[in-house]
All heavy atoms as atom14 arrays in JSON, in Angstrom:
{
  "sequence": "GDISNLRVGDWVVAIGNALGQGIRATEGIIS",
  "atom14_mask": [
    [1, 1, 1, 1, 0, 0, 0, 0, 0, 0, 0, 0, 0, 0],
    [1, 1, 1, 1, 1, 1, 1, 1, 0, 0, 0, 0, 0, 0],
    [1, 1, 1, 1, 1, 1, 1, 1, 0, 0, 0, 0, 0, 0],
    [1, 1, 1, 1, 1, 1, 0, 0, 0, 0, 0, 0, 0, 0],
    [1, 1, 1, 1, 1, 1, 1, 1, 0, 0, 0, 0, 0, 0],
    [1, 1, 1, 1, 1, 1, 1, 1, 0, 0, 0, 0, 0, 0],
    [1, 1, 1, 1, 1, 1, 1, 1, 1, 1, 1, 0, 0, 0],
    [1, 1, 1, 1, 1, 1, 1, 0, 0, 0, 0, 0, 0, 0],
    [1, 1, 1, 1, 0, 0, 0, 0, 0, 0, 0, 0, 0, 0],
    [1, 1, 1, 1, 1, 1, 1, 1, 0, 0, 0, 0, 0, 0],
    [1, 1, 1, 1, 1, 1, 1, 1, 1, 1, 1, 1, 1, 1],
    [1, 1, 1, 1, 1, 1, 1, 0, 0, 0, 0, 0, 0, 0],
    [1, 1, 1, 1, 1, 1, 1, 0, 0, 0, 0, 0, 0, 0],
    [1, 1, 1, 1, 1, 0, 0, 0, 0, 0, 0, 0, 0, 0],
    [1, 1, 1, 1, 1, 1, 1, 1, 0, 0, 0, 0, 0, 0],
    [1, 1, 1, 1, 0, 0, 0, 0, 0, 0, 0, 0, 0, 0],
    [1, 1, 1, 1, 1, 1, 1, 1, 0, 0, 0, 0, 0, 0],
    [1, 1, 1, 1, 1, 0, 0, 0, 0, 0, 0, 0, 0, 0],
    [1, 1, 1, 1, 1, 1, 1, 1, 0, 0, 0, 0, 0, 0],
    [1, 1, 1, 1, 0, 0, 0, 0, 0, 0, 0, 0, 0, 0],
    [1, 1, 1, 1, 1, 1, 1, 1, 1, 0, 0, 0, 0, 0],
    [1, 1, 1, 1, 0, 0, 0, 0, 0, 0, 0, 0, 0, 0],
    [1, 1, 1, 1, 1, 1, 1, 1, 0, 0, 0, 0, 0, 0],
    [1, 1, 1, 1, 1, 1, 1, 1, 1, 1, 1, 0, 0, 0],
    [1, 1, 1, 1, 1, 0, 0, 0, 0, 0, 0, 0, 0, 0],
    [1, 1, 1, 1, 1, 1, 1, 0, 0, 0, 0, 0, 0, 0],
    [1, 1, 1, 1, 1, 1, 1, 1, 1, 0, 0, 0, 0, 0],
    [1, 1, 1, 1, 0, 0, 0, 0, 0, 0, 0, 0, 0, 0],
    [1, 1, 1, 1, 1, 1, 1, 1, 0, 0, 0, 0, 0, 0],
    [1, 1, 1, 1, 1, 1, 1, 1, 0, 0, 0, 0, 0, 0],
    [1, 1, 1, 1, 1, 1, 0, 0, 0, 0, 0, 0, 0, 0]
  ],
  "atom14_positions": [
    [[-12.14, 8.26, -13.98], [-11.34, 8.9, -12.96], [-10.58, 10.07, -13.54], [-10.91, 10.58, -14.61], [0.0, 0.0, 0.0], [0.0, 0.0, 0.0], [0.0, 0.0, 0.0], [0.0, 0.0, 0.0], [0.0, 0.0, 0.0], [0.0, 0.0, 0.0], [0.0, 0.0, 0.0], [0.0, 0.0, 0.0], [0.0, 0.0, 0.0], [0.0, 0.0, 0.0]],
    [[-9.55, 10.49, -12.87], [-8.73, 11.62, -13.3], [-7.28, 11.29, -12.99], [-6.89, 11.17, -11.82], [-9.15, 12.89, -12.57], [-8.41, 14.12, -13.06], [-7.49, 13.97, -13.92], [-8.72, 15.23, -12.6], [0.0, 0.0, 0.0], [0.0, 0.0, 0.0], [0.0, 0.0, 0.0], [0.0, 0.0, 0.0], [0.0, 0.0, 0.0], [0.0, 0.0, 0.0]],
    [[-6.46, 11.11, -14.04], [-5.08, 10.69, -13.79], [-4.23, 11.82, -13.22], [-3.13, 11.57, -12.71], [-4.41, 10.13, -15.06], [-4.25, 11.22, -16.13], [-5.17, 8.95, -15.62], [-3.4, 10.78, -17.3], [0.0, 0.0, 0.0], [0.0, 0.0, 0.0], [0.0, 0.0, 0.0], [0.0, 0.0, 0.0], [0.0, 0.0, 0.0], [0.0, 0.0, 0.0]],
    [[-4.72, 13.05, -13.29], [-3.93, 14.14, -12.7], [-3.84, 13.99, -11.18], [-2.95, 14.55, -10.54], [-4.56, 15.5, -13.06], [-5.86, 15.62, -12.51], [0.0, 0.0, 0.0], [0.0, 0.0, 0.0], [0.0, 0.0, 0.0], [0.0, 0.0, 0.0], [0.0, 0.0, 0.0], [0.0, 0.0, 0.0], [0.0, 0.0, 0.0], [0.0, 0.0, 0.0]],
    [[-4.77, 13.22, -10.61], [-4.74, 12.99, -9.16], [-3.95, 11.74, -8.79], [-3.75, 11.46, -7.6], [-6.17, 12.84, -8.62], [-6.99, 14.11, -8.8], [-6.45, 15.21, -8.7], [-8.28, 13.96, -9.08], [0.0, 0.0, 0.0], [0.0, 0.0, 0.0], [0.0, 0.0, 0.0], [0.0, 0.0, 0.0], [0.0, 0.0, 0.0], [0.0, 0.0, 0.0]],
    [[-3.51, 10.98, -9.79], [-2.76, 9.75, -9.52], [-1.32, 10.07, -9.15], [-0.71, 10.98, -9.73], [-2.78, 8.82, -10.72], [-4.03, 8.0, -10.99], [-3.82, 7.15, -12.23], [-4.37, 7.11, -9.81], [0.0, 0.0, 0.0], [0.0, 0.0, 0.0], [0.0, 0.0, 0.0], [0.0, 0.0, 0.0], [0.0, 0.0, 0.0], [0.0, 0.0, 0.0]],
    [[-0.78, 9.3, -8.22], [0.63, 9.43, -7.87], [1.34, 8.12, -8.13], [0.72, 7.04, -8.1], [0.77, 9.8, -6.39], [0.13, 11.11, -5.99], [0.24, 11.3, -4.49], [-0.4, 10.21, -3.76], [-0.22, 10.0, -2.46], [0.59, 10.77, -1.76], [-0.84, 8.99, -1.86], [0.0, 0.0, 0.0], [0.0, 0.0, 0.0], [0.0, 0.0, 0.0]],
    [[2.62, 8.19, -8.39], [3.42, 6.97, -8.51], [3.36, 6.24, -7.18], [3.63, 6.83, -6.12], [4.88, 7.31, -8.89], [5.75, 6.06, -8.81], [4.94, 7.9, -10.29], [0.0, 0.0, 0.0], [0.0, 0.0, 0.0], [0.0, 0.0, 0.0], [0.0, 0.0, 0.0], [0.0, 0.0, 0.0], [0.0, 0.0, 0.0], [0.0, 0.0, 0.0]],
    [[2.98, 4.98, -7.23], [2.82, 4.19, -6.02], [1.37, 3.94, -5.65], [1.08, 3.1, -4.79], [0.0, 0.0, 0.0], [0.0, 0.0, 0.0], [0.0, 0.0, 0.0], [0.0, 0.0, 0.0], [0.0, 0.0, 0.0], [0.0, 0.0, 0.0], [0.0, 0.0, 0.0], [0.0, 0.0, 0.0], [0.0, 0.0, 0.0], [0.0, 0.0, 0.0]],
    [[0.42, 4.67, -6.28], [-0.99, 4.43, -6.01], [-1.41, 3.05, -6.53], [-0.94, 2.6, -7.58], [-1.86, 5.5, -6.69], [-1.93, 6.79, -5.89], [-1.53, 6.77, -4.71], [-2.37, 7.81, -6.45], [0.0, 0.0, 0.0], [0.0, 0.0, 0.0], [0.0, 0.0, 0.0], [0.0, 0.0, 0.0], [0.0, 0.0, 0.0], [0.0, 0.0, 0.0]],
    [[-2.35, 2.41, -5.79], [-2.85, 1.11, -6.2], [-3.79, 1.23, -7.38], [-4.61, 2.16, -7.46], [-3.6, 0.45, -5.03], [-2.72, -0.06, -3.94], [-2.38, 0.59, -2.79], [-2.06, -1.33, -3.91], [-1.55, -0.2, -2.04], [-1.34, -1.38, -2.68], [-2.02, -2.42, -4.77], [-0.57, -2.49, -2.32], [-1.26, -3.52, -4.4], [-0.54, -3.54, -3.2]],
    [[-3.69, 0.26, -8.31], [-4.62, 0.16, -9.43], [-4.91, -1.32, -9.68], [-4.16, -2.2, -9.26], [-4.05, 0.8, -10.72], [-4.06, 2.3, -10.65], [-2.64, 0.28, -11.02], [0.0, 0.0, 0.0], [0.0, 0.0, 0.0], [0.0, 0.0, 0.0], [0.0, 0.0, 0.0], [0.0, 0.0, 0.0], [0.0, 0.0, 0.0], [0.0, 0.0, 0.0]],
    [[-6.02, -1.58, -10.38], [-6.43, -2.94, -10.7], [-6.74, -3.02, -12.19], [-7.46, -2.17, -12.73], [-7.67, -3.37, -9.9], [-8.05, -4.82, -10.2], [-7.43, -3.19, -8.4], [0.0, 0.0, 0.0], [0.0, 0.0, 0.0], [0.0, 0.0, 0.0], [0.0, 0.0, 0.0], [0.0, 0.0, 0.0], [0.0, 0.0, 0.0], [0.0, 0.0, 0.0]],
    [[-6.15, -4.01, -12.87], [-6.44, -4.26, -14.3], [-7.41, -5.43, -14.37], [-7.16, -6.49, -13.79], [-5.15, -4.58, -15.05], [0.0, 0.0, 0.0], [0.0, 0.0, 0.0], [0.0, 0.0, 0.0], [0.0, 0.0, 0.0], [0.0, 0.0, 0.0], [0.0, 0.0, 0.0], [0.0, 0.0, 0.0], [0.0, 0.0, 0.0], [0.0, 0.0, 0.0]],
    [[-8.51, -5.23, -15.08], [-9.53, -6.27, -15.21], [-9.78, -6.51, -16.7], [-10.02, -5.56, -17.45], [-10.83, -5.88, -14.5], [-10.54, -5.54, -13.03], [-11.87, -6.98, -14.6], [-11.76, -5.13, -12.24], [0.0, 0.0, 0.0], [0.0, 0.0, 0.0], [0.0, 0.0, 0.0], [0.0, 0.0, 0.0], [0.0, 0.0, 0.0], [0.0, 0.0, 0.0]],
    [[-9.71, -7.78, -17.11], [-9.92, -8.08, -18.52], [-9.94, -9.57, -18.82], [-9.76, -10.4, -17.92], [0.0, 0.0, 0.0], [0.0, 0.0, 0.0], [0.0, 0.0, 0.0], [0.0, 0.0, 0.0], [0.0, 0.0, 0.0], [0.0, 0.0, 0.0], [0.0, 0.0, 0.0], [0.0, 0.0, 0.0], [0.0, 0.0, 0.0], [0.0, 0.0, 0.0]],
    [[-10.12, -9.85, -20.1], [-10.25, -11.22, -20.6], [-8.87, -11.81, -20.89], [-8.52, -12.11, -22.03], [-11.13, -11.19, -21.86], [-11.4, -12.56, -22.44], [-11.37, -13.57, -21.74], [-11.64, -12.59, -23.75], [0.0, 0.0, 0.0], [0.0, 0.0, 0.0], [0.0, 0.0, 0.0], [0.0, 0.0, 0.0], [0.0, 0.0, 0.0], [0.0, 0.0, 0.0]],
    [[-8.07, -11.96, -19.84], [-6.68, -12.4, -20.0], [-6.62, -13.78, -20.65], [-7.3, -14.72, -20.22], [-5.98, -12.43, -18.65], [0.0, 0.0, 0.0], [0.0, 0.0, 0.0], [0.0, 0.0, 0.0], [0.0, 0.0, 0.0], [0.0, 0.0, 0.0], [0.0, 0.0, 0.0], [0.0, 0.0, 0.0], [0.0, 0.0, 0.0], [0.0, 0.0, 0.0]],
    [[-5.8, -13.88, -21.71], [-5.58, -15.14, -22.44], [-6.87, -15.71, -23.03], [-6.93, -16.88, -23.4], [-4.91, -16.18, -21.54], [-3.58, -15.77, -20.89], [-3.07, -16.87, -19.98], [-2.56, -15.41, -21.95], [0.0, 0.0, 0.0], [0.0, 0.0, 0.0], [0.0, 0.0, 0.0], [0.0, 0.0, 0.0], [0.0, 0.0, 0.0], [0.0, 0.0, 0.0]],
    [[-7.92, -14.88, -23.09], [-9.19, -15.34, -23.64], [-9.88, -16.36, -22.77], [-10.75, -17.1, -23.24], [0.0, 0.0, 0.0], [0.0, 0.0, 0.0], [0.0, 0.0, 0.0], [0.0, 0.0, 0.0], [0.0, 0.0, 0.0], [0.0, 0.0, 0.0], [0.0, 0.0, 0.0], [0.0, 0.0, 0.0], [0.0, 0.0, 0.0], [0.0, 0.0, 0.0]],
    [[-9.54, -16.4, -21.49], [-10.06, -17.42, -20.59], [-11.07, -16.86, -19.59], [-11.32, -17.47, -18.55], [-8.91, -18.11, -19.86], [-7.97, -18.86, -20.78], [-6.83, -19.54, -20.05], [-6.75, -19.48, -18.82], [-5.95, -20.18, -20.79], [0.0, 0.0, 0.0], [0.0, 0.0, 0.0], [0.0, 0.0, 0.0], [0.0, 0.0, 0.0], [0.0, 0.0, 0.0]],
    [[-11.64, -15.72, -19.88], [-12.62, -15.13, -18.98], [-12.07, -13.95, -18.22], [-10.87, -13.72, -18.17], [0.0, 0.0, 0.0], [0.0, 0.0, 0.0], [0.0, 0.0, 0.0], [0.0, 0.0, 0.0], [0.0, 0.0, 0.0], [0.0, 0.0, 0.0], [0.0, 0.0, 0.0], [0.0, 0.0, 0.0], [0.0, 0.0, 0.0], [0.0, 0.0, 0.0]],
    [[-12.99, -13.18, -17.65], [-12.61, -11.95, -16.95], [-11.9, -12.28, -15.64], [-12.39, -13.05, -14.83], [-13.85, -11.09, -16.66], [-14.64, -10.82, -17.96], [-13.45, -9.78, -16.01], [-13.84, -10.12, -19.03], [0.0, 0.0, 0.0], [0.0, 0.0, 0.0], [0.0, 0.0, 0.0], [0.0, 0.0, 0.0], [0.0, 0.0, 0.0], [0.0, 0.0, 0.0]],
    [[-10.74, -11.67, -15.46], [-9.96, -11.85, -14.24], [-9.29, -10.53, -13.89], [-9.22, -9.61, -14.71], [-8.93, -12.96, -14.39], [-7.9, -12.71, -15.49], [-6.98, -13.91, -15.66], [-7.73, -15.06, -16.15], [-7.21, -16.28, -16.26], [-5.97, -16.49, -15.9], [-7.93, -17.26, -16.73], [0.0, 0.0, 0.0], [0.0, 0.0, 0.0], [0.0, 0.0, 0.0]],
    [[-8.8, -10.46, -12.66], [-8.22, -9.21, -12.16], [-6.79, -9.41, -11.71], [-6.43, -10.46, -11.19], [-9.07, -8.68, -11.0], [0.0, 0.0, 0.0], [0.0, 0.0, 0.0], [0.0, 0.0, 0.0], [0.0, 0.0, 0.0], [0.0, 0.0, 0.0], [0.0, 0.0, 0.0], [0.0, 0.0, 0.0], [0.0, 0.0, 0.0], [0.0, 0.0, 0.0]],
    [[-5.97, -8.38, -11.91], [-4.61, -8.34, -11.38], [-4.38, -6.97, -10.76], [-4.92, -5.97, -11.24], [-3.55, -8.59, -12.48], [-3.74, -7.64, -13.54], [-3.67, -9.99, -13.04], [0.0, 0.0, 0.0], [0.0, 0.0, 0.0], [0.0, 0.0, 0.0], [0.0, 0.0, 0.0], [0.0, 0.0, 0.0], [0.0, 0.0, 0.0], [0.0, 0.0, 0.0]],
    [[-3.61, -6.95, -9.68], [-3.4, -5.69, -8.99], [-1.96, -5.23, -9.15], [-1.06, -6.02, -9.44], [-3.77, -5.82, -7.52], [-2.61, -6.09, -6.57], [-1.98, -7.47, -6.79], [-2.65, -8.35, -7.35], [-0.82, -7.66, -6.4], [0.0, 0.0, 0.0], [0.0, 0.0, 0.0], [0.0, 0.0, 0.0], [0.0, 0.0, 0.0], [0.0, 0.0, 0.0]],
    [[-1.73, -3.95, -8.96], [-0.38, -3.4, -9.02], [-0.41, -1.95, -8.59], [-1.38, -1.48, -7.99], [0.0, 0.0, 0.0], [0.0, 0.0, 0.0], [0.0, 0.0, 0.0], [0.0, 0.0, 0.0], [0.0, 0.0, 0.0], [0.0, 0.0, 0.0], [0.0, 0.0, 0.0], [0.0, 0.0, 0.0], [0.0, 0.0, 0.0], [0.0, 0.0, 0.0]],
    [[0.65, -1.25, -8.92], [0.73, 0.18, -8.59], [1.04, 0.98, -9.85], [1.38, 0.42, -10.9], [1.82, 0.45, -7.53], [3.21, 0.06, -8.08], [1.52, -0.25, -6.23], [4.36, 0.55, -7.24], [0.0, 0.0, 0.0], [0.0, 0.0, 0.0], [0.0, 0.0, 0.0], [0.0, 0.0, 0.0], [0.0, 0.0, 0.0], [0.0, 0.0, 0.0]],
    [[0.9, 2.27, -9.75], [1.34, 3.16, -10.81], [2.86, 3.27, -10.72], [3.4, 3.68, -9.69], [0.71, 4.55, -10.67], [-0.81, 4.47, -10.77], [1.27, 5.51, -11.73], [-1.32, 4.01, -12.1], [0.0, 0.0, 0.0], [0.0, 0.0, 0.0], [0.0, 0.0, 0.0], [0.0, 0.0, 0.0], [0.0, 0.0, 0.0], [0.0, 0.0, 0.0]],
    [[3.55, 2.87, -11.79], [5.02, 2.9, -11.78], [5.56, 4.2, -12.37], [6.55, 4.75, -11.88], [5.57, 1.71, -12.58], [5.1, 0.5, -12.06], [0.0, 0.0, 0.0], [0.0, 0.0, 0.0], [0.0, 0.0, 0.0], [0.0, 0.0, 0.0], [0.0, 0.0, 0.0], [0.0, 0.0, 0.0], [0.0, 0.0, 0.0], [0.0, 0.0, 0.0]]
  ]
}
């Protein structure tokens, strides 16, 4: 993507191997 187009408050999703227990997703915004 391009972070120059991101605004504070835009939705984003973090996806990864949290706690080593497999791939999972969490959502939030750009702070």
